[in-house]
Amino acid sequence: MESHVTPRAGEILHEIFGTPLGKAFGVIGAAPAGIGIVAVDQAMKAAPVDIVWYGSPSHNLTMMNEFSAGISGDVSAVQKALEAGKQVGCELLRVCGITPISITKVHEVCGPDYVKENYTPTSCLKTDNTSDER
C-alpha cells in the first residue's frame, strides 16, 4: 500500500504521466489489484481530484497483480484523497491477514540486510507489532 504526493507537478511528471503543470500530483497503489481498485475508488470519492494515469494488470502494469493511479488537483484535495484511499486499503489488507508496510520503510522495519537473509517485508513483520504508520 503506497501513497505519495508532491505539491507541484514538474515538467518530468508532466512528460511521463501527463500531469497538469502547477497542480499537486499524488500516486496511490496497492497489491493485490482488487484492493488497489477499492483504494483508488475511495480516494476519488473523498475529494475533487482527477485521475491522470493508472496502471492495472492489463494496462501499464502487465504481469503485476497491482493497481495504481496518479491523481491531480489542489494539494489539500490530493492529500485528502490519498489519506482516504490509504485508510481503506490498509483496512482491507488487514482483513486479508496482511500487515501493510510502506516500501520506503522496509529497511527501517526489517533491517538493511532483509533481502540477504531471505526475508520479505511481510515475513520480517511477523514478530513486529507496529502499524502502517511506518
N, C-alpha and C. Protein backbone atom coordinates (compact mmCIF):
# COMPACT_ATOMS: atom_id res chain seq x y z
N MET A 1 0.85 -1.17 0.00
CA MET A 1 0.00 0.00 0.00
C MET A 1 0.89 1.22 0.00
N GLU A 2 0.84 2.00 -1.02
CA GLU A 2 1.69 3.18 -1.15
C GLU A 2 0.87 4.41 -1.52
N SER A 3 1.28 5.56 -1.01
CA SER A 3 0.72 6.83 -1.45
C SER A 3 1.77 7.91 -1.26
N HIS A 4 1.92 8.76 -2.25
CA HIS A 4 2.90 9.84 -2.22
C HIS A 4 2.30 11.06 -2.90
N VAL A 5 2.71 12.26 -2.44
CA VAL A 5 2.19 13.49 -3.03
C VAL A 5 3.31 14.50 -3.20
N THR A 6 3.22 15.30 -4.25
CA THR A 6 4.10 16.44 -4.45
C THR A 6 3.20 17.66 -4.66
N PRO A 7 3.55 18.81 -4.06
CA PRO A 7 2.67 19.98 -4.16
C PRO A 7 2.58 20.59 -5.55
N ARG A 8 3.60 20.36 -6.39
CA ARG A 8 3.57 20.89 -7.75
C ARG A 8 4.14 19.87 -8.70
N ALA A 9 3.36 19.49 -9.68
CA ALA A 9 3.86 18.55 -10.68
C ALA A 9 4.83 19.28 -11.59
N GLY A 10 6.03 18.77 -11.67
CA GLY A 10 7.05 19.38 -12.50
C GLY A 10 6.99 18.89 -13.93
N GLU A 11 7.92 19.37 -14.73
CA GLU A 11 7.93 19.04 -16.15
C GLU A 11 8.14 17.55 -16.40
N ILE A 12 8.92 16.88 -15.55
CA ILE A 12 9.15 15.44 -15.74
C ILE A 12 7.85 14.67 -15.50
N LEU A 13 7.13 14.98 -14.41
CA LEU A 13 5.85 14.31 -14.15
C LEU A 13 4.84 14.63 -15.25
N HIS A 14 4.89 15.84 -15.75
CA HIS A 14 4.01 16.22 -16.86
C HIS A 14 4.32 15.39 -18.10
N GLU A 15 5.60 15.22 -18.37
CA GLU A 15 6.02 14.46 -19.55
C GLU A 15 5.67 12.98 -19.42
N ILE A 16 5.92 12.40 -18.24
CA ILE A 16 5.72 10.96 -18.05
C ILE A 16 4.24 10.60 -17.86
N PHE A 17 3.56 11.32 -16.97
CA PHE A 17 2.20 10.95 -16.59
C PHE A 17 1.13 11.88 -17.16
N GLY A 18 1.51 12.98 -17.79
CA GLY A 18 0.52 13.92 -18.30
C GLY A 18 -0.12 14.77 -17.22
N THR A 19 0.59 14.98 -16.11
CA THR A 19 0.03 15.77 -15.02
C THR A 19 -0.05 17.24 -15.41
N PRO A 20 -1.06 17.94 -14.92
CA PRO A 20 -1.13 19.38 -15.20
C PRO A 20 0.00 20.11 -14.48
N LEU A 21 0.69 20.99 -15.17
CA LEU A 21 1.76 21.76 -14.55
C LEU A 21 1.19 22.68 -13.48
N GLY A 22 1.90 22.76 -12.36
CA GLY A 22 1.48 23.65 -11.28
C GLY A 22 0.43 23.08 -10.36
N LYS A 23 -0.06 21.87 -10.62
CA LYS A 23 -1.05 21.23 -9.75
C LYS A 23 -0.36 20.16 -8.91
N ALA A 24 -0.97 19.83 -7.80
CA ALA A 24 -0.44 18.75 -6.97
C ALA A 24 -0.63 17.42 -7.68
N PHE A 25 0.25 16.50 -7.39
CA PHE A 25 0.18 15.17 -8.00
C PHE A 25 0.42 14.14 -6.91
N GLY A 26 -0.39 13.12 -6.89
CA GLY A 26 -0.23 12.05 -5.91
C GLY A 26 -0.36 10.70 -6.58
N VAL A 27 0.27 9.70 -5.99
CA VAL A 27 0.20 8.34 -6.50
C VAL A 27 -0.27 7.45 -5.37
N ILE A 28 -1.22 6.60 -5.69
CA ILE A 28 -1.71 5.62 -4.73
C ILE A 28 -1.76 4.28 -5.44
N GLY A 29 -1.34 3.24 -4.74
CA GLY A 29 -1.35 1.92 -5.34
C GLY A 29 -1.31 0.84 -4.29
N ALA A 30 -1.82 -0.31 -4.64
CA ALA A 30 -1.81 -1.43 -3.72
C ALA A 30 -1.85 -2.73 -4.50
N ALA A 31 -1.37 -3.76 -3.85
CA ALA A 31 -1.46 -5.11 -4.37
C ALA A 31 -2.05 -5.95 -3.25
N PRO A 32 -2.92 -6.87 -3.55
CA PRO A 32 -3.41 -7.27 -4.86
C PRO A 32 -4.28 -6.18 -5.52
N ALA A 33 -4.45 -6.31 -6.83
CA ALA A 33 -5.11 -5.29 -7.63
C ALA A 33 -6.50 -4.93 -7.12
N GLY A 34 -7.25 -5.89 -6.63
CA GLY A 34 -8.60 -5.60 -6.14
C GLY A 34 -8.60 -4.59 -5.02
N ILE A 35 -7.62 -4.69 -4.13
CA ILE A 35 -7.53 -3.73 -3.03
C ILE A 35 -7.10 -2.37 -3.57
N GLY A 36 -6.21 -2.36 -4.54
CA GLY A 36 -5.82 -1.10 -5.16
C GLY A 36 -6.98 -0.39 -5.82
N ILE A 37 -7.85 -1.15 -6.49
CA ILE A 37 -9.02 -0.56 -7.14
C ILE A 37 -9.94 0.08 -6.10
N VAL A 38 -10.18 -0.61 -5.00
CA VAL A 38 -11.05 -0.06 -3.94
C VAL A 38 -10.40 1.18 -3.33
N ALA A 39 -9.08 1.15 -3.11
CA ALA A 39 -8.38 2.29 -2.52
C ALA A 39 -8.47 3.51 -3.44
N VAL A 40 -8.25 3.32 -4.74
CA VAL A 40 -8.34 4.43 -5.68
C VAL A 40 -9.78 4.93 -5.79
N ASP A 41 -10.74 4.04 -5.79
CA ASP A 41 -12.15 4.43 -5.82
C ASP A 41 -12.49 5.30 -4.62
N GLN A 42 -12.06 4.89 -3.43
CA GLN A 42 -12.32 5.67 -2.22
C GLN A 42 -11.63 7.03 -2.29
N ALA A 43 -10.40 7.06 -2.81
CA ALA A 43 -9.68 8.32 -2.96
C ALA A 43 -10.45 9.29 -3.85
N MET A 44 -10.96 8.78 -4.96
CA MET A 44 -11.70 9.62 -5.91
C MET A 44 -12.99 10.16 -5.32
N LYS A 45 -13.61 9.40 -4.44
CA LYS A 45 -14.86 9.83 -3.81
C LYS A 45 -14.63 10.81 -2.66
N ALA A 46 -13.40 10.84 -2.12
CA ALA A 46 -13.12 11.65 -0.93
C ALA A 46 -12.83 13.12 -1.24
N ALA A 47 -12.42 13.44 -2.45
CA ALA A 47 -12.03 14.82 -2.75
C ALA A 47 -12.10 15.06 -4.26
N PRO A 48 -12.20 16.32 -4.65
CA PRO A 48 -12.27 16.65 -6.09
C PRO A 48 -10.89 16.57 -6.76
N VAL A 49 -10.53 15.38 -7.20
CA VAL A 49 -9.27 15.13 -7.90
C VAL A 49 -9.55 14.42 -9.22
N ASP A 50 -8.57 14.45 -10.09
CA ASP A 50 -8.68 13.78 -11.39
C ASP A 50 -7.63 12.69 -11.50
N ILE A 51 -8.01 11.57 -12.12
CA ILE A 51 -7.02 10.54 -12.45
C ILE A 51 -6.31 10.97 -13.72
N VAL A 52 -4.98 11.04 -13.67
CA VAL A 52 -4.21 11.41 -14.85
C VAL A 52 -3.42 10.23 -15.42
N TRP A 53 -3.33 9.16 -14.65
CA TRP A 53 -2.62 7.96 -15.09
C TRP A 53 -3.10 6.80 -14.23
N TYR A 54 -3.16 5.61 -14.81
CA TYR A 54 -3.43 4.43 -13.98
C TYR A 54 -2.71 3.23 -14.57
N GLY A 55 -2.47 2.28 -13.70
CA GLY A 55 -1.85 1.04 -14.11
C GLY A 55 -2.57 -0.12 -13.46
N SER A 56 -2.83 -1.14 -14.24
CA SER A 56 -3.51 -2.35 -13.76
C SER A 56 -2.82 -3.55 -14.40
N PRO A 57 -3.21 -4.75 -14.01
CA PRO A 57 -2.59 -5.92 -14.65
C PRO A 57 -2.74 -5.93 -16.17
N SER A 58 -3.76 -5.27 -16.70
CA SER A 58 -3.95 -5.27 -18.15
C SER A 58 -3.59 -3.93 -18.81
N HIS A 59 -3.14 -2.96 -18.02
CA HIS A 59 -2.84 -1.64 -18.57
C HIS A 59 -1.65 -1.02 -17.82
N ASN A 60 -0.53 -0.91 -18.45
CA ASN A 60 0.70 -0.31 -17.92
C ASN A 60 1.43 -1.16 -16.88
N LEU A 61 0.80 -2.11 -16.25
CA LEU A 61 1.45 -2.95 -15.24
C LEU A 61 1.27 -4.43 -15.58
N THR A 62 1.47 -4.77 -16.83
CA THR A 62 1.29 -6.14 -17.28
C THR A 62 2.10 -7.10 -16.41
N MET A 63 1.50 -8.20 -16.07
CA MET A 63 2.12 -9.26 -15.29
C MET A 63 2.31 -8.89 -13.80
N MET A 64 1.62 -7.87 -13.34
CA MET A 64 1.70 -7.49 -11.92
C MET A 64 0.29 -7.48 -11.35
N ASN A 65 0.11 -8.00 -10.17
CA ASN A 65 -1.19 -8.00 -9.52
C ASN A 65 -1.29 -6.76 -8.64
N GLU A 66 -1.30 -5.60 -9.28
CA GLU A 66 -1.30 -4.32 -8.58
C GLU A 66 -2.17 -3.34 -9.35
N PHE A 67 -2.76 -2.41 -8.64
CA PHE A 67 -3.48 -1.31 -9.28
C PHE A 67 -2.99 -0.02 -8.68
N SER A 68 -2.56 0.91 -9.53
CA SER A 68 -2.04 2.20 -9.10
C SER A 68 -2.68 3.29 -9.93
N ALA A 69 -2.78 4.49 -9.35
CA ALA A 69 -3.30 5.63 -10.09
C ALA A 69 -2.56 6.88 -9.66
N GLY A 70 -2.34 7.74 -10.63
CA GLY A 70 -1.81 9.07 -10.38
C GLY A 70 -2.98 10.04 -10.41
N ILE A 71 -3.09 10.87 -9.37
CA ILE A 71 -4.20 11.81 -9.29
C ILE A 71 -3.65 13.22 -9.19
N SER A 72 -4.47 14.19 -9.61
CA SER A 72 -4.04 15.57 -9.62
C SER A 72 -5.18 16.47 -9.17
N GLY A 73 -4.81 17.61 -8.61
CA GLY A 73 -5.78 18.60 -8.14
C GLY A 73 -5.09 19.56 -7.20
N ASP A 74 -5.87 20.27 -6.39
CA ASP A 74 -5.28 21.14 -5.37
C ASP A 74 -4.57 20.26 -4.35
N VAL A 75 -3.51 20.79 -3.73
CA VAL A 75 -2.70 19.98 -2.82
C VAL A 75 -3.53 19.42 -1.67
N SER A 76 -4.44 20.21 -1.10
CA SER A 76 -5.24 19.70 0.02
C SER A 76 -6.18 18.60 -0.43
N ALA A 77 -6.72 18.71 -1.64
CA ALA A 77 -7.61 17.66 -2.17
C ALA A 77 -6.84 16.38 -2.43
N VAL A 78 -5.65 16.49 -3.00
CA VAL A 78 -4.84 15.31 -3.27
C VAL A 78 -4.44 14.63 -1.96
N GLN A 79 -4.05 15.40 -0.97
CA GLN A 79 -3.69 14.82 0.32
C GLN A 79 -4.88 14.12 0.96
N LYS A 80 -6.06 14.76 0.92
CA LYS A 80 -7.27 14.15 1.49
C LYS A 80 -7.63 12.87 0.76
N ALA A 81 -7.56 12.89 -0.56
CA ALA A 81 -7.89 11.71 -1.36
C ALA A 81 -6.94 10.55 -1.04
N LEU A 82 -5.64 10.85 -0.99
CA LEU A 82 -4.66 9.79 -0.73
C LEU A 82 -4.84 9.20 0.67
N GLU A 83 -5.13 10.04 1.64
CA GLU A 83 -5.33 9.53 3.00
C GLU A 83 -6.56 8.61 3.06
N ALA A 84 -7.64 9.00 2.39
CA ALA A 84 -8.85 8.16 2.37
C ALA A 84 -8.59 6.83 1.68
N GLY A 85 -7.87 6.86 0.57
CA GLY A 85 -7.54 5.62 -0.13
C GLY A 85 -6.62 4.73 0.68
N LYS A 86 -5.63 5.34 1.32
CA LYS A 86 -4.70 4.58 2.16
C LYS A 86 -5.43 3.92 3.32
N GLN A 87 -6.33 4.65 3.93
CA GLN A 87 -7.06 4.11 5.08
C GLN A 87 -7.86 2.87 4.70
N VAL A 88 -8.65 2.94 3.65
CA VAL A 88 -9.47 1.79 3.26
C VAL A 88 -8.60 0.66 2.75
N GLY A 89 -7.53 0.98 2.02
CA GLY A 89 -6.64 -0.07 1.53
C GLY A 89 -5.97 -0.83 2.66
N CYS A 90 -5.50 -0.10 3.67
CA CYS A 90 -4.86 -0.75 4.83
C CYS A 90 -5.86 -1.60 5.61
N GLU A 91 -7.09 -1.10 5.74
CA GLU A 91 -8.11 -1.89 6.44
C GLU A 91 -8.37 -3.20 5.71
N LEU A 92 -8.49 -3.15 4.40
CA LEU A 92 -8.74 -4.36 3.61
C LEU A 92 -7.55 -5.32 3.68
N LEU A 93 -6.34 -4.80 3.63
CA LEU A 93 -5.17 -5.66 3.74
C LEU A 93 -5.15 -6.38 5.09
N ARG A 94 -5.49 -5.67 6.15
CA ARG A 94 -5.52 -6.31 7.48
C ARG A 94 -6.57 -7.41 7.54
N VAL A 95 -7.74 -7.17 6.92
CA VAL A 95 -8.79 -8.19 6.88
C VAL A 95 -8.27 -9.45 6.18
N CYS A 96 -7.40 -9.26 5.19
CA CYS A 96 -6.82 -10.39 4.47
C CYS A 96 -5.63 -11.01 5.22
N GLY A 97 -5.33 -10.50 6.40
CA GLY A 97 -4.22 -11.04 7.18
C GLY A 97 -2.86 -10.50 6.79
N ILE A 98 -2.84 -9.38 6.08
CA ILE A 98 -1.59 -8.78 5.61
C ILE A 98 -1.31 -7.52 6.43
N THR A 99 -0.09 -7.40 6.93
CA THR A 99 0.31 -6.19 7.64
C THR A 99 0.81 -5.18 6.62
N PRO A 100 0.10 -4.05 6.46
CA PRO A 100 0.55 -3.06 5.47
C PRO A 100 1.89 -2.46 5.87
N ILE A 101 2.75 -2.26 4.89
CA ILE A 101 4.05 -1.63 5.12
C ILE A 101 4.42 -0.83 3.88
N SER A 102 4.93 0.35 4.10
CA SER A 102 5.40 1.18 3.00
C SER A 102 6.76 0.66 2.55
N ILE A 103 6.95 0.52 1.27
CA ILE A 103 8.22 0.02 0.75
C ILE A 103 9.35 0.96 1.11
N THR A 104 9.04 2.24 1.34
CA THR A 104 10.07 3.20 1.72
C THR A 104 10.53 2.99 3.16
N LYS A 105 9.82 2.18 3.93
CA LYS A 105 10.17 1.95 5.33
C LYS A 105 10.68 0.53 5.60
N VAL A 106 10.77 -0.31 4.59
CA VAL A 106 11.16 -1.70 4.78
C VAL A 106 12.51 -1.81 5.49
N HIS A 107 13.49 -1.02 5.07
CA HIS A 107 14.81 -1.10 5.70
C HIS A 107 14.76 -0.74 7.17
N GLU A 108 13.93 0.24 7.54
CA GLU A 108 13.81 0.62 8.95
C GLU A 108 13.21 -0.51 9.78
N VAL A 109 12.21 -1.17 9.24
CA VAL A 109 11.49 -2.20 9.98
C VAL A 109 12.22 -3.54 9.93
N CYS A 110 12.71 -3.92 8.76
CA CYS A 110 13.27 -5.25 8.57
C CYS A 110 14.79 -5.30 8.67
N GLY A 111 15.42 -4.14 8.67
CA GLY A 111 16.88 -4.11 8.70
C GLY A 111 17.45 -4.05 7.29
N PRO A 112 18.65 -3.53 7.14
CA PRO A 112 19.22 -3.33 5.81
C PRO A 112 19.53 -4.61 5.06
N ASP A 113 19.66 -5.74 5.76
CA ASP A 113 20.03 -6.99 5.10
C ASP A 113 18.86 -7.95 4.92
N TYR A 114 17.62 -7.42 4.92
CA TYR A 114 16.47 -8.33 4.88
C TYR A 114 16.45 -9.19 3.61
N VAL A 115 16.94 -8.69 2.50
CA VAL A 115 16.95 -9.49 1.27
C VAL A 115 17.99 -10.61 1.38
N LYS A 116 19.18 -10.30 1.90
CA LYS A 116 20.23 -11.31 2.06
C LYS A 116 19.79 -12.42 3.00
N GLU A 117 18.96 -12.08 3.98
CA GLU A 117 18.51 -13.05 4.97
C GLU A 117 17.25 -13.79 4.52
N ASN A 118 16.87 -13.61 3.25
CA ASN A 118 15.70 -14.25 2.66
C ASN A 118 14.40 -13.85 3.34
N TYR A 119 14.36 -12.66 3.90
CA TYR A 119 13.11 -12.13 4.43
C TYR A 119 12.39 -11.39 3.33
N THR A 120 11.08 -11.36 3.42
CA THR A 120 10.29 -10.45 2.62
C THR A 120 9.77 -9.41 3.60
N PRO A 121 9.27 -8.27 3.14
CA PRO A 121 8.70 -7.31 4.08
C PRO A 121 7.63 -7.93 4.97
N THR A 122 6.84 -8.85 4.44
CA THR A 122 5.79 -9.47 5.24
C THR A 122 6.38 -10.41 6.28
N SER A 123 7.34 -11.25 5.90
CA SER A 123 7.87 -12.23 6.86
C SER A 123 8.64 -11.57 7.99
N CYS A 124 9.32 -10.47 7.74
CA CYS A 124 10.07 -9.84 8.82
C CYS A 124 9.14 -9.14 9.80
N LEU A 125 7.90 -8.93 9.42
CA LEU A 125 6.94 -8.27 10.31
C LEU A 125 6.22 -9.24 11.22
N LYS A 126 6.38 -10.52 11.02
CA LYS A 126 5.63 -11.49 11.82
C LYS A 126 5.91 -11.36 13.30
N THR A 127 7.07 -10.82 13.68
CA THR A 127 7.38 -10.61 15.09
C THR A 127 7.30 -9.14 15.46
N ASP A 128 6.89 -8.28 14.52
CA ASP A 128 6.84 -6.85 14.75
C ASP A 128 5.38 -6.42 14.81
N ASN A 129 4.96 -5.79 15.87
CA ASN A 129 3.56 -5.38 16.04
C ASN A 129 3.34 -3.92 15.73
N THR A 130 4.16 -3.31 14.90
CA THR A 130 3.97 -1.91 14.56
C THR A 130 2.91 -1.77 13.51
N SER A 131 2.44 -0.53 13.30
CA SER A 131 1.31 -0.29 12.38
C SER A 131 1.78 0.22 11.04
N ASP A 132 0.81 0.52 10.17
CA ASP A 132 1.13 1.01 8.83
C ASP A 132 1.62 2.45 8.85
N GLU A 133 1.71 3.08 9.99
CA GLU A 133 2.17 4.45 10.09
C GLU A 133 3.67 4.55 9.84
N ARG A 134 4.32 3.42 9.60
CA ARG A 134 5.77 3.43 9.38
C ARG A 134 6.08 4.25 8.20
